[in-house]
Amino acid sequence: MRRAAIALALACGLAMPAAADTIEVLKANTLVVTAPDGGATTVLVSDNGRMNQVNARGIQATGFWSMEERGFCWTARGEAEVCIPLSADKVVGDTWQIARQPGKDGWIAEIRKGRIDLAAVAGANRAGAIMAGSDSPN
């Protein structure tokens, strides 16, 4: 029993640095989550649980992030919390499917190299929304 407890403690101890490494990758780069319709939310993760994002309509928001059992979670603009799976081994260039509902197209998450200029993304997304005829502010 004692050996099992020690093995479990070691496994947990080894898993934490790996999760921290993945968060460090996010802090130095950009997370992009793309919906089945092609609209993307661009997220920059910072220290102290802070984050900034731009949604597909070009609306910028700040908020908070956390790493939980459910995955990487964030809340911006006081809206509902979003959680996506994020394994401990993600690196720049990785993409993965985010299941939404059985039988429906999922979303795609990607870690892109570098810190994207959110103001430029916001402008491009707003221009794209206007061209598509979207008049919704959110």
C-alpha atoms as a PDB file:
ATOM      1  CA  MET A   1       0.000   0.000   0.000  1.00  0.00           C
ATOM      2  CA  ARG A   2       2.814   2.378   0.883  1.00  0.00           C
ATOM      3  CA  ARG A   3       4.527   1.702  -2.472  1.00  0.00           C
ATOM      4  CA  ALA A   4       1.282   2.511  -4.291  1.00  0.00           C
ATOM      5  CA  ALA A   5       0.957   5.797  -2.399  1.00  0.00           C
ATOM      6  CA  ILE A   6       4.573   6.723  -3.196  1.00  0.00           C
ATOM      7  CA  ALA A   7       4.085   5.828  -6.868  1.00  0.00           C
ATOM      8  CA  LEU A   8       0.919   7.930  -7.005  1.00  0.00           C
ATOM      9  CA  ALA A   9       2.679  10.882  -5.352  1.00  0.00           C
ATOM     10  CA  LEU A  10       5.556  10.628  -7.824  1.00  0.00           C
ATOM     11  CA  ALA A  11       3.173  10.399 -10.774  1.00  0.00           C
ATOM     12  CA  CYS A  12       1.304  13.506  -9.611  1.00  0.00           C
ATOM     13  CA  GLY A  13       4.569  15.336  -9.038  1.00  0.00           C
ATOM     14  CA  LEU A  14       5.780  14.488 -12.525  1.00  0.00           C
ATOM     15  CA  ALA A  15       2.471  15.499 -14.134  1.00  0.00           C
ATOM     16  CA  MET A  16       2.445  18.992 -12.644  1.00  0.00           C
ATOM     17  CA  PRO A  17       5.669  20.220 -14.324  1.00  0.00           C
ATOM     18  CA  ALA A  18       4.375  18.905 -17.663  1.00  0.00           C
ATOM     19  CA  ALA A  19       1.142  20.887 -17.259  1.00  0.00           C
ATOM     20  CA  ALA A  20       3.190  23.922 -16.269  1.00  0.00           C
ATOM     21  CA  ASP A  21       5.301  23.454 -19.410  1.00  0.00           C
ATOM     22  CA  THR A  22       2.156  23.512 -21.564  1.00  0.00           C
ATOM     23  CA  ILE A  23       0.987  26.714 -19.886  1.00  0.00           C
ATOM     24  CA  GLU A  24       4.430  28.225 -20.487  1.00  0.00           C
ATOM     25  CA  VAL A  25       4.040  27.341 -24.183  1.00  0.00           C
ATOM     26  CA  LEU A  26       0.695  29.164 -24.213  1.00  0.00           C
ATOM     27  CA  LYS A  27       2.161  32.203 -22.446  1.00  0.00           C
ATOM     28  CA  ALA A  28       4.827  32.575 -25.133  1.00  0.00           C
ATOM     29  CA  ASN A  29       2.522  31.902 -28.084  1.00  0.00           C
ATOM     30  CA  THR A  30      -1.094  32.205 -29.285  1.00  0.00           C
ATOM     31  CA  LEU A  31      -4.083  29.884 -28.881  1.00  0.00           C
ATOM     32  CA  VAL A  32      -6.619  29.953 -31.723  1.00  0.00           C
ATOM     33  CA  VAL A  33      -9.946  28.124 -31.409  1.00  0.00           C
ATOM     34  CA  THR A  34     -11.823  27.809 -34.706  1.00  0.00           C
ATOM     35  CA  ALA A  35     -15.553  26.992 -34.962  1.00  0.00           C
ATOM     36  CA  PRO A  36     -16.977  24.723 -37.665  1.00  0.00           C
ATOM     37  CA  ASP A  37     -18.194  27.848 -39.530  1.00  0.00           C
ATOM     38  CA  GLY A  38     -14.607  29.143 -39.731  1.00  0.00           C
ATOM     39  CA  GLY A  39     -14.945  31.874 -37.102  1.00  0.00           C
ATOM     40  CA  ALA A  40     -11.987  31.960 -34.740  1.00  0.00           C
ATOM     41  CA  THR A  41     -11.327  33.191 -31.228  1.00  0.00           C
ATOM     42  CA  THR A  42      -7.711  34.215 -30.643  1.00  0.00           C
ATOM     43  CA  VAL A  43      -6.438  33.987 -27.062  1.00  0.00           C
ATOM     44  CA  LEU A  44      -3.280  35.325 -25.415  1.00  0.00           C
ATOM     45  CA  VAL A  45      -2.478  33.850 -22.012  1.00  0.00           C
ATOM     46  CA  SER A  46      -0.506  35.905 -19.487  1.00  0.00           C
ATOM     47  CA  ASP A  47       0.846  35.440 -15.986  1.00  0.00           C
ATOM     48  CA  ASN A  48      -1.333  35.571 -12.887  1.00  0.00           C
ATOM     49  CA  GLY A  49      -4.315  33.943 -14.569  1.00  0.00           C
ATOM     50  CA  ARG A  50      -4.967  36.861 -16.944  1.00  0.00           C
ATOM     51  CA  MET A  51      -5.842  36.577 -20.627  1.00  0.00           C
ATOM     52  CA  ASN A  52      -6.951  38.659 -23.621  1.00  0.00           C
ATOM     53  CA  GLN A  53      -8.997  37.487 -26.571  1.00  0.00           C
ATOM     54  CA  VAL A  54     -10.559  38.575 -29.828  1.00  0.00           C
ATOM     55  CA  ASN A  55     -13.636  36.725 -31.062  1.00  0.00           C
ATOM     56  CA  ALA A  56     -14.706  36.063 -34.638  1.00  0.00           C
ATOM     57  CA  ARG A  57     -16.582  39.407 -34.791  1.00  0.00           C
ATOM     58  CA  GLY A  58     -13.493  41.370 -33.766  1.00  0.00           C
ATOM     59  CA  ILE A  59     -14.583  42.097 -30.220  1.00  0.00           C
ATOM     60  CA  GLN A  60     -11.682  42.275 -27.787  1.00  0.00           C
ATOM     61  CA  ALA A  61     -12.060  41.223 -24.157  1.00  0.00           C
ATOM     62  CA  THR A  62      -9.958  40.554 -21.108  1.00  0.00           C
ATOM     63  CA  GLY A  63     -10.546  37.872 -18.554  1.00  0.00           C
ATOM     64  CA  PHE A  64      -9.091  35.074 -16.498  1.00  0.00           C
ATOM     65  CA  TRP A  65      -7.806  31.569 -17.216  1.00  0.00           C
ATOM     66  CA  SER A  66      -7.132  28.457 -15.130  1.00  0.00           C
ATOM     67  CA  MET A  67      -5.882  24.935 -15.693  1.00  0.00           C
ATOM     68  CA  GLU A  68      -8.344  22.433 -14.207  1.00  0.00           C
ATOM     69  CA  GLU A  69      -9.258  18.773 -14.437  1.00  0.00           C
ATOM     70  CA  ARG A  70     -11.704  19.744 -17.205  1.00  0.00           C
ATOM     71  CA  GLY A  71      -8.855  21.281 -19.181  1.00  0.00           C
ATOM     72  CA  PHE A  72      -7.814  24.823 -19.981  1.00  0.00           C
ATOM     73  CA  CYS A  73     -10.652  27.158 -18.969  1.00  0.00           C
ATOM     74  CA  TRP A  74     -11.205  30.889 -19.439  1.00  0.00           C
ATOM     75  CA  THR A  75     -13.855  33.543 -18.956  1.00  0.00           C
ATOM     76  CA  ALA A  76     -13.867  36.878 -20.793  1.00  0.00           C
ATOM     77  CA  ARG A  77     -16.296  39.809 -20.814  1.00  0.00           C
ATOM     78  CA  GLY A  78     -18.243  38.207 -17.991  1.00  0.00           C
ATOM     79  CA  GLU A  79     -19.591  35.559 -20.356  1.00  0.00           C
ATOM     80  CA  ALA A  80     -19.853  31.836 -19.745  1.00  0.00           C
ATOM     81  CA  GLU A  81     -16.684  29.933 -18.951  1.00  0.00           C
ATOM     82  CA  VAL A  82     -15.107  28.051 -21.854  1.00  0.00           C
ATOM     83  CA  CYS A  83     -13.080  24.888 -21.187  1.00  0.00           C
ATOM     84  CA  ILE A  84     -11.144  22.938 -23.778  1.00  0.00           C
ATOM     85  CA  PRO A  85      -9.069  19.784 -23.453  1.00  0.00           C
ATOM     86  CA  LEU A  86      -5.369  20.537 -23.167  1.00  0.00           C
ATOM     87  CA  SER A  87      -2.992  17.674 -22.624  1.00  0.00           C
ATOM     88  CA  ALA A  88       0.348  18.195 -20.955  1.00  0.00           C
ATOM     89  CA  ASP A  89       2.346  17.585 -24.137  1.00  0.00           C
ATOM     90  CA  LYS A  90       1.083  20.365 -26.425  1.00  0.00           C
ATOM     91  CA  VAL A  91       3.676  22.415 -28.315  1.00  0.00           C
ATOM     92  CA  VAL A  92       3.693  25.139 -30.969  1.00  0.00           C
ATOM     93  CA  GLY A  93       2.046  23.874 -34.143  1.00  0.00           C
ATOM     94  CA  ASP A  94      -0.182  21.315 -32.437  1.00  0.00           C
ATOM     95  CA  THR A  95      -3.845  21.203 -33.428  1.00  0.00           C
ATOM     96  CA  TRP A  96      -6.574  19.118 -31.827  1.00  0.00           C
ATOM     97  CA  GLN A  97     -10.298  18.522 -32.139  1.00  0.00           C
ATOM     98  CA  ILE A  98     -12.666  19.803 -29.474  1.00  0.00           C
ATOM     99  CA  ALA A  99     -15.831  17.709 -29.329  1.00  0.00           C
ATOM    100  CA  ARG A 100     -18.957  19.812 -28.929  1.00  0.00           C
ATOM    101  CA  GLN A 101     -21.867  17.408 -29.332  1.00  0.00           C
ATOM    102  CA  PRO A 102     -22.002  13.839 -30.640  1.00  0.00           C
ATOM    103  CA  GLY A 103     -22.648  13.792 -34.380  1.00  0.00           C
ATOM    104  CA  LYS A 104     -21.780  17.479 -34.903  1.00  0.00           C
ATOM    105  CA  ASP A 105     -18.651  19.044 -36.314  1.00  0.00           C
ATOM    106  CA  GLY A 106     -16.202  19.954 -33.610  1.00  0.00           C
ATOM    107  CA  TRP A 107     -14.026  22.950 -33.072  1.00  0.00           C
ATOM    108  CA  ILE A 108     -10.289  22.971 -33.727  1.00  0.00           C
ATOM    109  CA  ALA A 109      -7.718  24.342 -31.263  1.00  0.00           C
ATOM    110  CA  GLU A 110      -4.223  25.307 -32.393  1.00  0.00           C
ATOM    111  CA  ILE A 111      -1.128  26.743 -30.746  1.00  0.00           C
ATOM    112  CA  ARG A 112       0.477  29.233 -33.144  1.00  0.00           C
ATOM    113  CA  LYS A 113       4.036  30.475 -32.843  1.00  0.00           C
ATOM    114  CA  GLY A 114       4.529  33.900 -31.284  1.00  0.00           C
ATOM    115  CA  ARG A 115       2.208  36.444 -29.745  1.00  0.00           C
ATOM    116  CA  ILE A 116      -0.277  37.662 -32.352  1.00  0.00           C
ATOM    117  CA  ASP A 117      -1.201  41.371 -32.427  1.00  0.00           C
ATOM    118  CA  LEU A 118      -4.776  41.251 -31.109  1.00  0.00           C
ATOM    119  CA  ALA A 119      -5.611  44.758 -32.361  1.00  0.00           C
ATOM    120  CA  ALA A 120      -4.769  43.678 -35.927  1.00  0.00           C
ATOM    121  CA  VAL A 121      -6.819  40.489 -35.527  1.00  0.00           C
ATOM    122  CA  ALA A 122      -9.755  42.514 -34.159  1.00  0.00           C
ATOM    123  CA  GLY A 123      -9.669  44.867 -37.154  1.00  0.00           C
ATOM    124  CA  ALA A 124      -9.472  42.019 -39.659  1.00  0.00           C
ATOM    125  CA  ASN A 125     -12.288  40.119 -37.932  1.00  0.00           C
ATOM    126  CA  ARG A 126     -14.526  43.225 -37.823  1.00  0.00           C
ATOM    127  CA  ALA A 127     -13.885  43.853 -41.512  1.00  0.00           C
ATOM    128  CA  GLY A 128     -14.738  40.221 -42.277  1.00  0.00           C
ATOM    129  CA  ALA A 129     -17.939  40.435 -40.229  1.00  0.00           C
ATOM    130  CA  ILE A 130     -18.999  43.593 -42.067  1.00  0.00           C
ATOM    131  CA  MET A 131     -18.305  41.958 -45.434  1.00  0.00           C
ATOM    132  CA  ALA A 132     -20.392  38.954 -44.357  1.00  0.00           C
ATOM    133  CA  GLY A 133     -23.285  41.245 -43.421  1.00  0.00           C
ATOM    134  CA  SER A 134     -23.141  40.622 -39.701  1.00  0.00           C
ATOM    135  CA  ASP A 135     -24.703  43.414 -37.741  1.00  0.00           C
ATOM    136  CA  SER A 136     -24.485  41.689 -34.368  1.00  0.00           C
ATOM    137  CA  PRO A 137     -22.179  43.372 -31.855  1.00  0.00           C
ATOM    138  CA  ASN A 138     -21.397  40.082 -30.132  1.00  0.00           C
END
